[in-house]
Amino acid sequence: MLAALRLPGAELSLVLVSDSVMQRLNRDWRGRDRPTDVLSFAQREGPGGAPDGLLGDVVISVDTARRQAAERAEPLAHELDRLLIHGVLHLLGYDHERSPTEARRMQRRERQLASILAR
């Protein structure tokens, strides 16, 4: 995926957690006291950002991913891929909550990356 984004030398951390851990992270960092499917923590934001190539952390709740995969009648691996794509795009500055236009832009990029990964 990073090669498809033209970031072959970039690095990120992927952390797989339970809903209870995700709820704590979501509460502590976003003020939302409930689990969510994916959170991204960009390293290059803020003062003294990380060195070039270090994107940040993507945290995925496996419990939520499992439920969402069942709802979509898709394998868990597909849902984890979808969430990883979503999280990485957040690390790169995409934000679907900013505006409807940004949401459409992010969705288009998610579909493009999913099709590349499916090959």
PDB file of N, CA and C in Angstrom:
ATOM      1  N   MET A   1       0.823  -1.185   0.000  1.00  0.00           N
ATOM      2  CA  MET A   1       0.000   0.000   0.000  1.00  0.00           C
ATOM      3  C   MET A   1       0.869   1.252   0.000  1.00  0.00           C
ATOM      4  N   LEU A   2       1.934   1.244   0.786  1.00  0.00           N
ATOM      5  CA  LEU A   2       2.801   2.416   0.820  1.00  0.00           C
ATOM      6  C   LEU A   2       3.463   2.653  -0.534  1.00  0.00           C
ATOM      7  N   ALA A   3       3.788   1.598  -1.246  1.00  0.00           N
ATOM      8  CA  ALA A   3       4.337   1.757  -2.593  1.00  0.00           C
ATOM      9  C   ALA A   3       3.291   2.371  -3.518  1.00  0.00           C
ATOM     10  N   ALA A   4       2.031   1.947  -3.397  1.00  0.00           N
ATOM     11  CA  ALA A   4       0.949   2.505  -4.211  1.00  0.00           C
ATOM     12  C   ALA A   4       0.745   3.984  -3.916  1.00  0.00           C
ATOM     13  N   LEU A   5       1.056   4.396  -2.718  1.00  0.00           N
ATOM     14  CA  LEU A   5       0.947   5.802  -2.330  1.00  0.00           C
ATOM     15  C   LEU A   5       2.210   6.590  -2.665  1.00  0.00           C
ATOM     16  N   ARG A   6       3.151   5.919  -3.314  1.00  0.00           N
ATOM     17  CA  ARG A   6       4.452   6.494  -3.656  1.00  0.00           C
ATOM     18  C   ARG A   6       5.231   6.907  -2.409  1.00  0.00           C
ATOM     19  N   LEU A   7       5.118   6.042  -1.394  1.00  0.00           N
ATOM     20  CA  LEU A   7       5.844   6.240  -0.134  1.00  0.00           C
ATOM     21  C   LEU A   7       6.575   4.952   0.244  1.00  0.00           C
ATOM     22  N   PRO A   8       7.363   4.398  -0.679  1.00  0.00           N
ATOM     23  CA  PRO A   8       7.961   3.077  -0.416  1.00  0.00           C
ATOM     24  C   PRO A   8       8.905   3.031   0.779  1.00  0.00           C
ATOM     25  N   GLY A   9       9.490   4.151   1.160  1.00  0.00           N
ATOM     26  CA  GLY A   9      10.406   4.165   2.296  1.00  0.00           C
ATOM     27  C   GLY A   9       9.760   4.593   3.602  1.00  0.00           C
ATOM     28  N   ALA A  10       8.462   4.830   3.562  1.00  0.00           N
ATOM     29  CA  ALA A  10       7.769   5.305   4.762  1.00  0.00           C
ATOM     30  C   ALA A  10       7.561   4.174   5.759  1.00  0.00           C
ATOM     31  N   GLU A  11       7.355   4.557   7.005  1.00  0.00           N
ATOM     32  CA  GLU A  11       7.100   3.598   8.079  1.00  0.00           C
ATOM     33  C   GLU A  11       5.877   4.026   8.867  1.00  0.00           C
ATOM     34  N   LEU A  12       5.186   3.024   9.399  1.00  0.00           N
ATOM     35  CA  LEU A  12       4.083   3.280  10.309  1.00  0.00           C
ATOM     36  C   LEU A  12       3.977   2.111  11.256  1.00  0.00           C
ATOM     37  N   SER A  13       3.306   2.349  12.355  1.00  0.00           N
ATOM     38  CA  SER A  13       3.039   1.274  13.304  1.00  0.00           C
ATOM     39  C   SER A  13       1.583   0.883  13.165  1.00  0.00           C
ATOM     40  N   LEU A  14       1.326  -0.403  13.231  1.00  0.00           N
ATOM     41  CA  LEU A  14      -0.028  -0.931  13.224  1.00  0.00           C
ATOM     42  C   LEU A  14      -0.239  -1.639  14.550  1.00  0.00           C
ATOM     43  N   VAL A  15      -1.258  -1.207  15.283  1.00  0.00           N
ATOM     44  CA  VAL A  15      -1.561  -1.782  16.584  1.00  0.00           C
ATOM     45  C   VAL A  15      -2.970  -2.345  16.533  1.00  0.00           C
ATOM     46  N   LEU A  16      -3.104  -3.633  16.868  1.00  0.00           N
ATOM     47  CA  LEU A  16      -4.404  -4.295  16.912  1.00  0.00           C
ATOM     48  C   LEU A  16      -4.815  -4.425  18.370  1.00  0.00           C
ATOM     49  N   VAL A  17      -6.008  -3.911  18.698  1.00  0.00           N
ATOM     50  CA  VAL A  17      -6.446  -3.863  20.092  1.00  0.00           C
ATOM     51  C   VAL A  17      -7.873  -4.391  20.231  1.00  0.00           C
ATOM     52  N   SER A  18      -8.301  -4.524  21.474  1.00  0.00           N
ATOM     53  CA  SER A  18      -9.678  -4.902  21.805  1.00  0.00           C
ATOM     54  C   SER A  18     -10.547  -3.649  21.852  1.00  0.00           C
ATOM     55  N   ASP A  19     -11.868  -3.852  21.908  1.00  0.00           N
ATOM     56  CA  ASP A  19     -12.778  -2.712  22.046  1.00  0.00           C
ATOM     57  C   ASP A  19     -12.526  -1.927  23.324  1.00  0.00           C
ATOM     58  N   SER A  20     -12.186  -2.612  24.423  1.00  0.00           N
ATOM     59  CA  SER A  20     -11.985  -1.885  25.679  1.00  0.00           C
ATOM     60  C   SER A  20     -10.775  -0.952  25.592  1.00  0.00           C
ATOM     61  N   VAL A  21      -9.704  -1.400  24.971  1.00  0.00           N
ATOM     62  CA  VAL A  21      -8.533  -0.544  24.792  1.00  0.00           C
ATOM     63  C   VAL A  21      -8.878   0.596  23.842  1.00  0.00           C
ATOM     64  N   MET A  22      -9.587   0.276  22.758  1.00  0.00           N
ATOM     65  CA  MET A  22      -9.958   1.314  21.791  1.00  0.00           C
ATOM     66  C   MET A  22     -10.860   2.361  22.432  1.00  0.00           C
ATOM     67  N   GLN A  23     -11.766   1.937  23.291  1.00  0.00           N
ATOM     68  CA  GLN A  23     -12.648   2.894  23.960  1.00  0.00           C
ATOM     69  C   GLN A  23     -11.835   3.873  24.808  1.00  0.00           C
ATOM     70  N   ARG A  24     -10.848   3.358  25.523  1.00  0.00           N
ATOM     71  CA  ARG A  24      -9.989   4.230  26.332  1.00  0.00           C
ATOM     72  C   ARG A  24      -9.236   5.233  25.459  1.00  0.00           C
ATOM     73  N   LEU A  25      -8.675   4.755  24.351  1.00  0.00           N
ATOM     74  CA  LEU A  25      -7.948   5.650  23.449  1.00  0.00           C
ATOM     75  C   LEU A  25      -8.872   6.711  22.863  1.00  0.00           C
ATOM     76  N   ASN A  26     -10.044   6.279  22.432  1.00  0.00           N
ATOM     77  CA  ASN A  26     -11.007   7.203  21.832  1.00  0.00           C
ATOM     78  C   ASN A  26     -11.454   8.254  22.858  1.00  0.00           C
ATOM     79  N   ARG A  27     -11.655   7.830  24.082  1.00  0.00           N
ATOM     80  CA  ARG A  27     -12.055   8.753  25.158  1.00  0.00           C
ATOM     81  C   ARG A  27     -10.916   9.731  25.474  1.00  0.00           C
ATOM     82  N   ASP A  28      -9.721   9.188  25.630  1.00  0.00           N
ATOM     83  CA  ASP A  28      -8.590  10.024  26.041  1.00  0.00           C
ATOM     84  C   ASP A  28      -8.153  11.008  24.955  1.00  0.00           C
ATOM     85  N   TRP A  29      -8.213  10.612  23.685  1.00  0.00           N
ATOM     86  CA  TRP A  29      -7.682  11.439  22.610  1.00  0.00           C
ATOM     87  C   TRP A  29      -8.740  12.207  21.831  1.00  0.00           C
ATOM     88  N   ARG A  30      -9.978  11.708  21.853  1.00  0.00           N
ATOM     89  CA  ARG A  30     -11.013  12.382  21.056  1.00  0.00           C
ATOM     90  C   ARG A  30     -12.214  12.803  21.889  1.00  0.00           C
ATOM     91  N   GLY A  31     -12.230  12.448  23.172  1.00  0.00           N
ATOM     92  CA  GLY A  31     -13.343  12.825  24.031  1.00  0.00           C
ATOM     93  C   GLY A  31     -14.624  12.067  23.745  1.00  0.00           C
ATOM     94  N   ARG A  32     -14.512  10.928  23.100  1.00  0.00           N
ATOM     95  CA  ARG A  32     -15.674  10.101  22.755  1.00  0.00           C
ATOM     96  C   ARG A  32     -15.562   8.781  23.504  1.00  0.00           C
ATOM     97  N   ASP A  33     -16.403   8.597  24.487  1.00  0.00           N
ATOM     98  CA  ASP A  33     -16.302   7.447  25.394  1.00  0.00           C
ATOM     99  C   ASP A  33     -17.013   6.229  24.833  1.00  0.00           C
ATOM    100  N   ARG A  34     -16.492   5.737  23.723  1.00  0.00           N
ATOM    101  CA  ARG A  34     -17.009   4.524  23.082  1.00  0.00           C
ATOM    102  C   ARG A  34     -15.920   3.974  22.158  1.00  0.00           C
ATOM    103  N   PRO A  35     -15.976   2.691  21.890  1.00  0.00           N
ATOM    104  CA  PRO A  35     -14.986   2.155  20.953  1.00  0.00           C
ATOM    105  C   PRO A  35     -15.269   2.655  19.542  1.00  0.00           C
ATOM    106  N   THR A  36     -14.262   2.636  18.729  1.00  0.00           N
ATOM    107  CA  THR A  36     -14.395   2.960  17.316  1.00  0.00           C
ATOM    108  C   THR A  36     -13.585   1.936  16.549  1.00  0.00           C
ATOM    109  N   ASP A  37     -13.694   1.924  15.244  1.00  0.00           N
ATOM    110  CA  ASP A  37     -13.007   0.884  14.484  1.00  0.00           C
ATOM    111  C   ASP A  37     -11.526   1.173  14.261  1.00  0.00           C
ATOM    112  N   VAL A  38     -11.173   2.445  13.982  1.00  0.00           N
ATOM    113  CA  VAL A  38      -9.778   2.775  13.694  1.00  0.00           C
ATOM    114  C   VAL A  38      -9.466   4.187  14.180  1.00  0.00           C
ATOM    115  N   LEU A  39      -8.281   4.352  14.718  1.00  0.00           N
ATOM    116  CA  LEU A  39      -7.744   5.660  15.092  1.00  0.00           C
ATOM    117  C   LEU A  39      -6.367   5.809  14.463  1.00  0.00           C
ATOM    118  N   SER A  40      -6.043   7.030  14.105  1.00  0.00           N
ATOM    119  CA  SER A  40      -4.726   7.318  13.537  1.00  0.00           C
ATOM    120  C   SER A  40      -4.068   8.418  14.339  1.00  0.00           C
ATOM    121  N   PHE A  41      -2.789   8.234  14.585  1.00  0.00           N
ATOM    122  CA  PHE A  41      -2.005   9.217  15.325  1.00  0.00           C
ATOM    123  C   PHE A  41      -0.810   9.599  14.454  1.00  0.00           C
ATOM    124  N   ALA A  42      -0.927  10.725  13.773  1.00  0.00           N
ATOM    125  CA  ALA A  42       0.119  11.164  12.848  1.00  0.00           C
ATOM    126  C   ALA A  42       1.329  11.666  13.620  1.00  0.00           C
ATOM    127  N   GLN A  43       2.491  11.248  13.195  1.00  0.00           N
ATOM    128  CA  GLN A  43       3.736  11.660  13.850  1.00  0.00           C
ATOM    129  C   GLN A  43       4.230  13.004  13.345  1.00  0.00           C
ATOM    130  N   ARG A  44       3.819  13.384  12.151  1.00  0.00           N
ATOM    131  CA  ARG A  44       4.367  14.613  11.586  1.00  0.00           C
ATOM    132  C   ARG A  44       3.551  15.845  11.930  1.00  0.00           C
ATOM    133  N   GLU A  45       2.531  15.703  12.756  1.00  0.00           N
ATOM    134  CA  GLU A  45       1.733  16.851  13.173  1.00  0.00           C
ATOM    135  C   GLU A  45       2.337  17.472  14.419  1.00  0.00           C
ATOM    136  N   GLY A  46       2.097  18.739  14.588  1.00  0.00           N
ATOM    137  CA  GLY A  46       2.534  19.420  15.794  1.00  0.00           C
ATOM    138  C   GLY A  46       3.984  19.837  15.745  1.00  0.00           C
ATOM    139  N   PRO A  47       4.417  20.536  16.792  1.00  0.00           N
ATOM    140  CA  PRO A  47       5.803  21.015  16.835  1.00  0.00           C
ATOM    141  C   PRO A  47       6.782  19.847  16.956  1.00  0.00           C
ATOM    142  N   GLY A  48       7.897  19.994  16.271  1.00  0.00           N
ATOM    143  CA  GLY A  48       8.933  18.965  16.363  1.00  0.00           C
ATOM    144  C   GLY A  48       8.491  17.638  15.798  1.00  0.00           C
ATOM    145  N   GLY A  49       7.776  17.668  14.669  1.00  0.00           N
ATOM    146  CA  GLY A  49       7.267  16.445  14.051  1.00  0.00           C
ATOM    147  C   GLY A  49       8.357  15.417  13.808  1.00  0.00           C
ATOM    148  N   ALA A  50       7.924  14.217  13.515  1.00  0.00           N
ATOM    149  CA  ALA A  50       8.839  13.091  13.311  1.00  0.00           C
ATOM    150  C   ALA A  50       9.677  13.273  12.052  1.00  0.00           C
ATOM    151  N   PRO A  51      10.758  12.540  11.952  1.00  0.00           N
ATOM    152  CA  PRO A  51      11.591  12.598  10.750  1.00  0.00           C
ATOM    153  C   PRO A  51      10.801  12.169   9.515  1.00  0.00           C
ATOM    154  N   ASP A  52      11.262  12.624   8.361  1.00  0.00           N
ATOM    155  CA  ASP A  52      10.616  12.240   7.105  1.00  0.00           C
ATOM    156  C   ASP A  52      10.502  10.723   7.017  1.00  0.00           C
ATOM    157  N   GLY A  53       9.366  10.289   6.534  1.00  0.00           N
ATOM    158  CA  GLY A  53       9.147   8.872   6.339  1.00  0.00           C
ATOM    159  C   GLY A  53       8.453   8.180   7.491  1.00  0.00           C
ATOM    160  N   LEU A  54       8.425   8.786   8.653  1.00  0.00           N
ATOM    161  CA  LEU A  54       7.739   8.191   9.791  1.00  0.00           C
ATOM    162  C   LEU A  54       6.334   8.777   9.853  1.00  0.00           C
ATOM    163  N   LEU A  55       5.341   7.981   9.422  1.00  0.00           N
ATOM    164  CA  LEU A  55       3.979   8.489   9.281  1.00  0.00           C
ATOM    165  C   LEU A  55       3.226   8.560  10.594  1.00  0.00           C
ATOM    166  N   GLY A  56       3.301   7.515  11.403  1.00  0.00           N
ATOM    167  CA  GLY A  56       2.573   7.502  12.665  1.00  0.00           C
ATOM    168  C   GLY A  56       2.032   6.131  12.994  1.00  0.00           C
ATOM    169  N   ASP A  57       0.952   6.124  13.761  1.00  0.00           N
ATOM    170  CA  ASP A  57       0.372   4.881  14.257  1.00  0.00           C
ATOM    171  C   ASP A  57      -1.063   4.740  13.787  1.00  0.00           C
ATOM    172  N   VAL A  58      -1.413   3.542  13.356  1.00  0.00           N
ATOM    173  CA  VAL A  58      -2.795   3.188  13.049  1.00  0.00           C
ATOM    174  C   VAL A  58      -3.203   2.132  14.061  1.00  0.00           C
ATOM    175  N   VAL A  59      -4.290   2.411  14.781  1.00  0.00           N
ATOM    176  CA  VAL A  59      -4.794   1.496  15.803  1.00  0.00           C
ATOM    177  C   VAL A  59      -6.151   0.982  15.340  1.00  0.00           C
ATOM    178  N   ILE A  60      -6.305  -0.334  15.281  1.00  0.00           N
ATOM    179  CA  ILE A  60      -7.542  -0.961  14.815  1.00  0.00           C
ATOM    180  C   ILE A  60      -8.107  -1.841  15.916  1.00  0.00           C
ATOM    181  N   SER A  61      -9.400  -1.697  16.166  1.00  0.00           N
ATOM    182  CA  SER A  61     -10.079  -2.597  17.095  1.00  0.00           C
ATOM    183  C   SER A  61     -10.483  -3.858  16.337  1.00  0.00           C
ATOM    184  N   VAL A  62      -9.893  -4.974  16.712  1.00  0.00           N
ATOM    185  CA  VAL A  62     -10.220  -6.251  16.059  1.00  0.00           C
ATOM    186  C   VAL A  62     -11.658  -6.661  16.392  1.00  0.00           C
ATOM    187  N   ASP A  63     -12.115  -6.352  17.604  1.00  0.00           N
ATOM    188  CA  ASP A  63     -13.496  -6.680  17.978  1.00  0.00           C
ATOM    189  C   ASP A  63     -14.484  -5.979  17.050  1.00  0.00           C
ATOM    190  N   THR A  64     -14.295  -4.695  16.848  1.00  0.00           N
ATOM    191  CA  THR A  64     -15.185  -3.932  15.974  1.00  0.00           C
ATOM    192  C   THR A  64     -15.027  -4.385  14.529  1.00  0.00           C
ATOM    193  N   ALA A  65     -13.814  -4.621  14.110  1.00  0.00           N
ATOM    194  CA  ALA A  65     -13.578  -5.096  12.734  1.00  0.00           C
ATOM    195  C   ALA A  65     -14.291  -6.423  12.490  1.00  0.00           C
ATOM    196  N   ARG A  66     -14.244  -7.304  13.463  1.00  0.00           N
ATOM    197  CA  ARG A  66     -14.915  -8.600  13.331  1.00  0.00           C
ATOM    198  C   ARG A  66     -16.433  -8.416  13.160  1.00  0.00           C
ATOM    199  N   ARG A  67     -17.021  -7.537  13.960  1.00  0.00           N
ATOM    200  CA  ARG A  67     -18.464  -7.268  13.856  1.00  0.00           C
ATOM    201  C   ARG A  67     -18.809  -6.660  12.496  1.00  0.00           C
ATOM    202  N   GLN A  68     -18.016  -5.700  12.072  1.00  0.00           N
ATOM    203  CA  GLN A  68     -18.277  -5.039  10.795  1.00  0.00           C
ATOM    204  C   GLN A  68     -18.115  -6.005   9.633  1.00  0.00           C
ATOM    205  N   ALA A  69     -17.149  -6.888   9.707  1.00  0.00           N
ATOM    206  CA  ALA A  69     -16.969  -7.895   8.652  1.00  0.00           C
ATOM    207  C   ALA A  69     -18.183  -8.803   8.582  1.00  0.00           C
ATOM    208  N   ALA A  70     -18.698  -9.209   9.726  1.00  0.00           N
ATOM    209  CA  ALA A  70     -19.890 -10.061   9.752  1.00  0.00           C
ATOM    210  C   ALA A  70     -21.093  -9.329   9.157  1.00  0.00           C
ATOM    211  N   GLU A  71     -21.247  -8.050   9.492  1.00  0.00           N
ATOM    212  CA  GLU A  71     -22.358  -7.257   8.945  1.00  0.00           C
ATOM    213  C   GLU A  71     -22.261  -7.131   7.434  1.00  0.00           C
ATOM    214  N   ARG A  72     -21.060  -7.060   6.907  1.00  0.00           N
ATOM    215  CA  ARG A  72     -20.843  -6.939   5.461  1.00  0.00           C
ATOM    216  C   ARG A  72     -20.755  -8.304   4.770  1.00  0.00           C
ATOM    217  N   ALA A  73     -20.779  -9.362   5.563  1.00  0.00           N
ATOM    218  CA  ALA A  73     -20.612 -10.727   5.044  1.00  0.00           C
ATOM    219  C   ALA A  73     -19.311 -10.835   4.239  1.00  0.00           C
ATOM    220  N   GLU A  74     -18.253 -10.267   4.803  1.00  0.00           N
ATOM    221  CA  GLU A  74     -16.938 -10.312   4.187  1.00  0.00           C
ATOM    222  C   GLU A  74     -15.941 -10.918   5.162  1.00  0.00           C
ATOM    223  N   PRO A  75     -14.838 -11.435   4.656  1.00  0.00           N
ATOM    224  CA  PRO A  75     -13.809 -11.968   5.551  1.00  0.00           C
ATOM    225  C   PRO A  75     -13.216 -10.863   6.431  1.00  0.00           C
ATOM    226  N   LEU A  76     -12.809 -11.235   7.615  1.00  0.00           N
ATOM    227  CA  LEU A  76     -12.187 -10.290   8.538  1.00  0.00           C
ATOM    228  C   LEU A  76     -10.984  -9.614   7.885  1.00  0.00           C
ATOM    229  N   ALA A  77     -10.212 -10.350   7.104  1.00  0.00           N
ATOM    230  CA  ALA A  77      -9.027  -9.776   6.456  1.00  0.00           C
ATOM    231  C   ALA A  77      -9.390  -8.598   5.554  1.00  0.00           C
ATOM    232  N   HIS A  78     -10.518  -8.683   4.856  1.00  0.00           N
ATOM    233  CA  HIS A  78     -10.943  -7.566   3.997  1.00  0.00           C
ATOM    234  C   HIS A  78     -11.272  -6.332   4.832  1.00  0.00           C
ATOM    235  N   GLU A  79     -11.943  -6.547   5.954  1.00  0.00           N
ATOM    236  CA  GLU A  79     -12.294  -5.425   6.822  1.00  0.00           C
ATOM    237  C   GLU A  79     -11.034  -4.807   7.429  1.00  0.00           C
ATOM    238  N   LEU A  80     -10.089  -5.629   7.822  1.00  0.00           N
ATOM    239  CA  LEU A  80      -8.836  -5.099   8.370  1.00  0.00           C
ATOM    240  C   LEU A  80      -8.089  -4.289   7.315  1.00  0.00           C
ATOM    241  N   ASP A  81      -8.085  -4.763   6.070  1.00  0.00           N
ATOM    242  CA  ASP A  81      -7.470  -3.998   4.975  1.00  0.00           C
ATOM    243  C   ASP A  81      -8.161  -2.651   4.810  1.00  0.00           C
ATOM    244  N   ARG A  82      -9.493  -2.660   4.829  1.00  0.00           N
ATOM    245  CA  ARG A  82     -10.271  -1.426   4.657  1.00  0.00           C
ATOM    246  C   ARG A  82      -9.930  -0.427   5.763  1.00  0.00           C
ATOM    247  N   LEU A  83      -9.850  -0.910   6.989  1.00  0.00           N
ATOM    248  CA  LEU A  83      -9.551  -0.032   8.114  1.00  0.00           C
ATOM    249  C   LEU A  83      -8.111   0.474   8.067  1.00  0.00           C
ATOM    250  N   LEU A  84      -7.194  -0.371   7.631  1.00  0.00           N
ATOM    251  CA  LEU A  84      -5.802   0.066   7.493  1.00  0.00           C
ATOM    252  C   LEU A  84      -5.700   1.165   6.440  1.00  0.00           C
ATOM    253  N   ILE A  85      -6.350   0.988   5.316  1.00  0.00           N
ATOM    254  CA  ILE A  85      -6.358   2.024   4.274  1.00  0.00           C
ATOM    255  C   ILE A  85      -6.902   3.332   4.844  1.00  0.00           C
ATOM    256  N   HIS A  86      -8.027   3.237   5.524  1.00  0.00           N
ATOM    257  CA  HIS A  86      -8.665   4.422   6.103  1.00  0.00           C
ATOM    258  C   HIS A  86      -7.708   5.116   7.081  1.00  0.00           C
ATOM    259  N   GLY A  87      -7.085   4.333   7.945  1.00  0.00           N
ATOM    260  CA  GLY A  87      -6.169   4.902   8.924  1.00  0.00           C
ATOM    261  C   GLY A  87      -4.950   5.541   8.298  1.00  0.00           C
ATOM    262  N   VAL A  88      -4.389   4.901   7.278  1.00  0.00           N
ATOM    263  CA  VAL A  88      -3.211   5.459   6.613  1.00  0.00           C
ATOM    264  C   VAL A  88      -3.566   6.771   5.924  1.00  0.00           C
ATOM    265  N   LEU A  89      -4.724   6.831   5.295  1.00  0.00           N
ATOM    266  CA  LEU A  89      -5.123   8.083   4.658  1.00  0.00           C
ATOM    267  C   LEU A  89      -5.272   9.206   5.684  1.00  0.00           C
ATOM    268  N   HIS A  90      -5.762   8.880   6.866  1.00  0.00           N
ATOM    269  CA  HIS A  90      -5.808   9.897   7.924  1.00  0.00           C
ATOM    270  C   HIS A  90      -4.392  10.370   8.272  1.00  0.00           C
ATOM    271  N   LEU A  91      -3.433   9.444   8.321  1.00  0.00           N
ATOM    272  CA  LEU A  91      -2.051   9.838   8.604  1.00  0.00           C
ATOM    273  C   LEU A  91      -1.519  10.802   7.555  1.00  0.00           C
ATOM    274  N   LEU A  92      -2.046  10.682   6.333  1.00  0.00           N
ATOM    275  CA  LEU A  92      -1.580  11.525   5.234  1.00  0.00           C
ATOM    276  C   LEU A  92      -2.370  12.822   5.109  1.00  0.00           C
ATOM    277  N   GLY A  93      -3.283  13.061   6.047  1.00  0.00           N
ATOM    278  CA  GLY A  93      -3.997  14.333   6.060  1.00  0.00           C
ATOM    279  C   GLY A  93      -5.416  14.306   5.531  1.00  0.00           C
ATOM    280  N   TYR A  94      -5.880  13.169   5.044  1.00  0.00           N
ATOM    281  CA  TYR A  94      -7.271  13.077   4.606  1.00  0.00           C
ATOM    282  C   TYR A  94      -8.167  13.116   5.844  1.00  0.00           C
ATOM    283  N   ASP A  95      -9.309  13.811   5.730  1.00  0.00           N
ATOM    284  CA  ASP A  95     -10.218  13.904   6.871  1.00  0.00           C
ATOM    285  C   ASP A  95     -11.659  14.001   6.393  1.00  0.00           C
ATOM    286  N   HIS A  96     -12.369  12.903   6.489  1.00  0.00           N
ATOM    287  CA  HIS A  96     -13.762  12.827   6.022  1.00  0.00           C
ATOM    288  C   HIS A  96     -14.704  13.645   6.892  1.00  0.00           C
ATOM    289  N   GLU A  97     -14.276  14.037   8.075  1.00  0.00           N
ATOM    290  CA  GLU A  97     -15.138  14.824   8.960  1.00  0.00           C
ATOM    291  C   GLU A  97     -15.040  16.320   8.690  1.00  0.00           C
ATOM    292  N   ARG A  98     -14.109  16.726   7.863  1.00  0.00           N
ATOM    293  CA  ARG A  98     -13.891  18.143   7.579  1.00  0.00           C
ATOM    294  C   ARG A  98     -15.018  18.738   6.742  1.00  0.00           C
ATOM    295  N   SER A  99     -15.447  18.001   5.702  1.00  0.00           N
ATOM    296  CA  SER A  99     -16.505  18.501   4.828  1.00  0.00           C
ATOM    297  C   SER A  99     -16.993  17.353   3.944  1.00  0.00           C
ATOM    298  N   PRO A 100     -18.181  17.490   3.354  1.00  0.00           N
ATOM    299  CA  PRO A 100     -18.658  16.469   2.414  1.00  0.00           C
ATOM    300  C   PRO A 100     -17.714  16.289   1.226  1.00  0.00           C
ATOM    301  N   THR A 101     -17.111  17.370   0.769  1.00  0.00           N
ATOM    302  CA  THR A 101     -16.162  17.272  -0.350  1.00  0.00           C
ATOM    303  C   THR A 101     -14.950  16.443   0.054  1.00  0.00           C
ATOM    304  N   GLU A 102     -14.429  16.698   1.236  1.00  0.00           N
ATOM    305  CA  GLU A 102     -13.284  15.923   1.729  1.00  0.00           C
ATOM    306  C   GLU A 102     -13.667  14.459   1.936  1.00  0.00           C
ATOM    307  N   ALA A 103     -14.883  14.209   2.391  1.00  0.00           N
ATOM    308  CA  ALA A 103     -15.344  12.832   2.585  1.00  0.00           C
ATOM    309  C   ALA A 103     -15.364  12.099   1.245  1.00  0.00           C
ATOM    310  N   ARG A 104     -15.861  12.739   0.213  1.00  0.00           N
ATOM    311  CA  ARG A 104     -15.889  12.102  -1.124  1.00  0.00           C
ATOM    312  C   ARG A 104     -14.475  11.867  -1.635  1.00  0.00           C
ATOM    313  N   ARG A 105     -13.606  12.836  -1.424  1.00  0.00           N
ATOM    314  CA  ARG A 105     -12.199  12.707  -1.853  1.00  0.00           C
ATOM    315  C   ARG A 105     -11.549  11.504  -1.165  1.00  0.00           C
ATOM    316  N   MET A 106     -11.776  11.373   0.127  1.00  0.00           N
ATOM    317  CA  MET A 106     -11.198  10.264   0.879  1.00  0.00           C
ATOM    318  C   MET A 106     -11.785   8.931   0.426  1.00  0.00           C
ATOM    319  N   GLN A 107     -13.085   8.876   0.207  1.00  0.00           N
ATOM    320  CA  GLN A 107     -13.725   7.636  -0.246  1.00  0.00           C
ATOM    321  C   GLN A 107     -13.181   7.203  -1.603  1.00  0.00           C
ATOM    322  N   ARG A 108     -12.970   8.154  -2.516  1.00  0.00           N
ATOM    323  CA  ARG A 108     -12.397   7.813  -3.829  1.00  0.00           C
ATOM    324  C   ARG A 108     -11.012   7.200  -3.668  1.00  0.00           C
ATOM    325  N   ARG A 109     -10.214   7.808  -2.818  1.00  0.00           N
ATOM    326  CA  ARG A 109      -8.849   7.302  -2.618  1.00  0.00           C
ATOM    327  C   ARG A 109      -8.872   5.931  -1.945  1.00  0.00           C
ATOM    328  N   GLU A 110      -9.792   5.737  -1.014  1.00  0.00           N
ATOM    329  CA  GLU A 110      -9.930   4.420  -0.375  1.00  0.00           C
ATOM    330  C   GLU A 110     -10.261   3.350  -1.407  1.00  0.00           C
ATOM    331  N   ARG A 111     -11.186   3.653  -2.308  1.00  0.00           N
ATOM    332  CA  ARG A 111     -11.546   2.675  -3.347  1.00  0.00           C
ATOM    333  C   ARG A 111     -10.371   2.374  -4.263  1.00  0.00           C
ATOM    334  N   GLN A 112      -9.617   3.425  -4.635  1.00  0.00           N
ATOM    335  CA  GLN A 112      -8.448   3.223  -5.491  1.00  0.00           C
ATOM    336  C   GLN A 112      -7.437   2.295  -4.817  1.00  0.00           C
ATOM    337  N   LEU A 113      -7.140   2.565  -3.570  1.00  0.00           N
ATOM    338  CA  LEU A 113      -6.162   1.738  -2.865  1.00  0.00           C
ATOM    339  C   LEU A 113      -6.661   0.315  -2.649  1.00  0.00           C
ATOM    340  N   ALA A 114      -7.939   0.171  -2.346  1.00  0.00           N
ATOM    341  CA  ALA A 114      -8.495  -1.173  -2.176  1.00  0.00           C
ATOM    342  C   ALA A 114      -8.385  -1.974  -3.467  1.00  0.00           C
ATOM    343  N   SER A 115      -8.623  -1.346  -4.590  1.00  0.00           N
ATOM    344  CA  SER A 115      -8.523  -2.073  -5.862  1.00  0.00           C
ATOM    345  C   SER A 115      -7.084  -2.457  -6.155  1.00  0.00           C
ATOM    346  N   ILE A 116      -6.139  -1.616  -5.794  1.00  0.00           N
ATOM    347  CA  ILE A 116      -4.714  -1.936  -5.996  1.00  0.00           C
ATOM    348  C   ILE A 116      -4.318  -3.117  -5.099  1.00  0.00           C
ATOM    349  N   LEU A 117      -4.769  -3.100  -3.848  1.00  0.00           N
ATOM    350  CA  LEU A 117      -4.423  -4.187  -2.921  1.00  0.00           C
ATOM    351  C   LEU A 117      -5.067  -5.502  -3.308  1.00  0.00           C
ATOM    352  N   ALA A 118      -6.213  -5.446  -3.958  1.00  0.00           N
ATOM    353  CA  ALA A 118      -6.938  -6.653  -4.343  1.00  0.00           C
ATOM    354  C   ALA A 118      -6.260  -7.402  -5.488  1.00  0.00           C
ATOM    355  N   ARG A 119      -5.350  -6.769  -6.163  1.00  0.00           N
ATOM    356  CA  ARG A 119      -4.683  -7.408  -7.327  1.00  0.00           C
ATOM    357  C   ARG A 119      -3.748  -8.502  -6.904  1.00  0.00           C
TER     358      ARG A 119
END
